[in-house]
């Protein structure tokens, strides 16, 4: 996905994006099992 290791702001953006993705997955799982 990246030609080189993300550094600085790019790394922070990827980290935030990963957290949002995990929260979305957890929310979807909760809805499915509700």
PDB file of N, CA and C in Angstrom:
ATOM      1  N   UNK A   1       0.829  -1.201   0.000  1.00  0.00           N
ATOM      2  CA  UNK A   1       0.000   0.000   0.000  1.00  0.00           C
ATOM      3  C   UNK A   1       0.869   1.259   0.000  1.00  0.00           C
ATOM      4  N   UNK A   2       1.985   1.205   0.712  1.00  0.00           N
ATOM      5  CA  UNK A   2       2.910   2.330   0.736  1.00  0.00           C
ATOM      6  C   UNK A   2       4.249   1.884   0.164  1.00  0.00           C
ATOM      7  N   UNK A   3       4.875   2.763  -0.619  1.00  0.00           N
ATOM      8  CA  UNK A   3       6.169   2.437  -1.202  1.00  0.00           C
ATOM      9  C   UNK A   3       7.259   2.496  -0.130  1.00  0.00           C
ATOM     10  N   UNK A   4       6.997   3.296   0.920  1.00  0.00           N
ATOM     11  CA  UNK A   4       7.955   3.411   2.020  1.00  0.00           C
ATOM     12  C   UNK A   4       7.169   3.514   3.319  1.00  0.00           C
ATOM     13  N   UNK A   5       7.877   3.347   4.440  1.00  0.00           N
ATOM     14  CA  UNK A   5       7.200   3.440   5.739  1.00  0.00           C
ATOM     15  C   UNK A   5       6.696   4.857   5.941  1.00  0.00           C
ATOM     16  N   UNK A   6       5.419   5.010   6.299  1.00  0.00           N
ATOM     17  CA  UNK A   6       4.878   6.347   6.562  1.00  0.00           C
ATOM     18  C   UNK A   6       5.592   6.993   7.736  1.00  0.00           C
ATOM     19  N   UNK A   7       5.899   8.275   7.606  1.00  0.00           N
ATOM     20  CA  UNK A   7       6.655   8.979   8.649  1.00  0.00           C
ATOM     21  C   UNK A   7       5.925  10.256   9.045  1.00  0.00           C
ATOM     22  N   UNK A   8       5.897  10.570  10.326  1.00  0.00           N
ATOM     23  CA  UNK A   8       5.338  11.830  10.786  1.00  0.00           C
ATOM     24  C   UNK A   8       3.836  11.902  10.645  1.00  0.00           C
ATOM     25  N   UNK A   9       3.357  12.947   9.962  1.00  0.00           N
ATOM     26  CA  UNK A   9       1.923  13.198   9.823  1.00  0.00           C
ATOM     27  C   UNK A   9       1.234  12.034   9.113  1.00  0.00           C
ATOM     28  N   UNK A  10       1.873  11.459   8.116  1.00  0.00           N
ATOM     29  CA  UNK A  10       1.278  10.344   7.391  1.00  0.00           C
ATOM     30  C   UNK A  10       1.035   9.164   8.328  1.00  0.00           C
ATOM     31  N   UNK A  11       1.965   8.912   9.214  1.00  0.00           N
ATOM     32  CA  UNK A  11       1.821   7.808  10.162  1.00  0.00           C
ATOM     33  C   UNK A  11       0.651   8.071  11.097  1.00  0.00           C
ATOM     34  N   UNK A  12       0.520   9.322  11.567  1.00  0.00           N
ATOM     35  CA  UNK A  12      -0.578   9.673  12.464  1.00  0.00           C
ATOM     36  C   UNK A  12      -1.909   9.504  11.748  1.00  0.00           C
ATOM     37  N   UNK A  13      -1.971   9.895  10.460  1.00  0.00           N
ATOM     38  CA  UNK A  13      -3.207   9.775   9.685  1.00  0.00           C
ATOM     39  C   UNK A  13      -3.600   8.320   9.527  1.00  0.00           C
ATOM     40  N   UNK A  14      -2.634   7.468   9.229  1.00  0.00           N
ATOM     41  CA  UNK A  14      -2.906   6.033   9.075  1.00  0.00           C
ATOM     42  C   UNK A  14      -3.378   5.444  10.400  1.00  0.00           C
ATOM     43  N   UNK A  15      -2.762   5.886  11.508  1.00  0.00           N
ATOM     44  CA  UNK A  15      -3.123   5.380  12.839  1.00  0.00           C
ATOM     45  C   UNK A  15      -4.560   5.760  13.176  1.00  0.00           C
ATOM     46  N   UNK A  16      -4.929   7.025  12.901  1.00  0.00           N
ATOM     47  CA  UNK A  16      -6.305   7.485  13.162  1.00  0.00           C
ATOM     48  C   UNK A  16      -7.281   6.728  12.278  1.00  0.00           C
ATOM     49  N   UNK A  17      -6.912   6.539  10.996  1.00  0.00           N
ATOM     50  CA  UNK A  17      -7.771   5.825  10.056  1.00  0.00           C
ATOM     51  C   UNK A  17      -7.989   4.393  10.526  1.00  0.00           C
ATOM     52  N   UNK A  18      -6.948   3.766  11.082  1.00  0.00           N
ATOM     53  CA  UNK A  18      -7.053   2.395  11.581  1.00  0.00           C
ATOM     54  C   UNK A  18      -8.011   2.329  12.767  1.00  0.00           C
ATOM     55  N   UNK A  19      -7.919   3.304  13.674  1.00  0.00           N
ATOM     56  CA  UNK A  19      -8.811   3.341  14.831  1.00  0.00           C
ATOM     57  C   UNK A  19     -10.261   3.484  14.385  1.00  0.00           C
ATOM     58  N   UNK A  20     -10.507   4.380  13.410  1.00  0.00           N
ATOM     59  CA  UNK A  20     -11.865   4.580  12.893  1.00  0.00           C
ATOM     60  C   UNK A  20     -12.381   3.287  12.274  1.00  0.00           C
ATOM     61  N   UNK A  21     -11.520   2.585  11.528  1.00  0.00           N
ATOM     62  CA  UNK A  21     -11.922   1.328  10.891  1.00  0.00           C
ATOM     63  C   UNK A  21     -12.289   0.281  11.944  1.00  0.00           C
ATOM     64  N   UNK A  22     -11.488   0.171  12.989  1.00  0.00           N
ATOM     65  CA  UNK A  22     -11.758  -0.800  14.055  1.00  0.00           C
ATOM     66  C   UNK A  22     -13.070  -0.466  14.758  1.00  0.00           C
ATOM     67  N   UNK A  23     -13.304   0.833  15.027  1.00  0.00           N
ATOM     68  CA  UNK A  23     -14.553   1.245  15.672  1.00  0.00           C
ATOM     69  C   UNK A  23     -15.743   0.904  14.790  1.00  0.00           C
ATOM     70  N   UNK A  24     -15.593   1.099  13.479  1.00  0.00           N
ATOM     71  CA  UNK A  24     -16.665   0.788  12.546  1.00  0.00           C
ATOM     72  C   UNK A  24     -16.968  -0.703  12.551  1.00  0.00           C
ATOM     73  N   UNK A  25     -15.934  -1.516  12.570  1.00  0.00           N
ATOM     74  CA  UNK A  25     -16.116  -2.970  12.597  1.00  0.00           C
ATOM     75  C   UNK A  25     -16.818  -3.396  13.887  1.00  0.00           C
ATOM     76  N   UNK A  26     -16.376  -2.864  15.013  1.00  0.00           N
ATOM     77  CA  UNK A  26     -16.992  -3.202  16.297  1.00  0.00           C
ATOM     78  C   UNK A  26     -18.457  -2.789  16.320  1.00  0.00           C
ATOM     79  N   UNK A  27     -18.767  -1.597  15.782  1.00  0.00           N
ATOM     80  CA  UNK A  27     -20.140  -1.105  15.734  1.00  0.00           C
ATOM     81  C   UNK A  27     -20.999  -2.029  14.888  1.00  0.00           C
ATOM     82  N   UNK A  28     -20.454  -2.475  13.756  1.00  0.00           N
ATOM     83  CA  UNK A  28     -21.190  -3.381  12.872  1.00  0.00           C
ATOM     84  C   UNK A  28     -21.454  -4.720  13.557  1.00  0.00           C
ATOM     85  N   UNK A  29     -20.463  -5.237  14.267  1.00  0.00           N
ATOM     86  CA  UNK A  29     -20.617  -6.503  14.978  1.00  0.00           C
ATOM     87  C   UNK A  29     -21.685  -6.384  16.059  1.00  0.00           C
ATOM     88  N   UNK A  30     -21.672  -5.280  16.783  1.00  0.00           N
ATOM     89  CA  UNK A  30     -22.672  -5.060  17.837  1.00  0.00           C
ATOM     90  C   UNK A  30     -24.074  -5.029  17.236  1.00  0.00           C
ATOM     91  N   UNK A  31     -24.230  -4.353  16.098  1.00  0.00           N
ATOM     92  CA  UNK A  31     -25.539  -4.295  15.444  1.00  0.00           C
ATOM     93  C   UNK A  31     -25.985  -5.682  14.990  1.00  0.00           C
ATOM     94  N   UNK A  32     -25.058  -6.459  14.484  1.00  0.00           N
ATOM     95  CA  UNK A  32     -25.391  -7.790  13.975  1.00  0.00           C
ATOM     96  C   UNK A  32     -25.854  -8.715  15.109  1.00  0.00           C
ATOM     97  N   UNK A  33     -25.245  -8.579  16.285  1.00  0.00           N
ATOM     98  CA  UNK A  33     -25.573  -9.466  17.394  1.00  0.00           C
ATOM     99  C   UNK A  33     -26.674  -8.916  18.294  1.00  0.00           C
ATOM    100  N   UNK A  34     -27.156  -7.710  17.973  1.00  0.00           N
ATOM    101  CA  UNK A  34     -28.224  -7.127  18.788  1.00  0.00           C
ATOM    102  C   UNK A  34     -29.566  -7.759  18.446  1.00  0.00           C
TER     103      UNK A  34
END
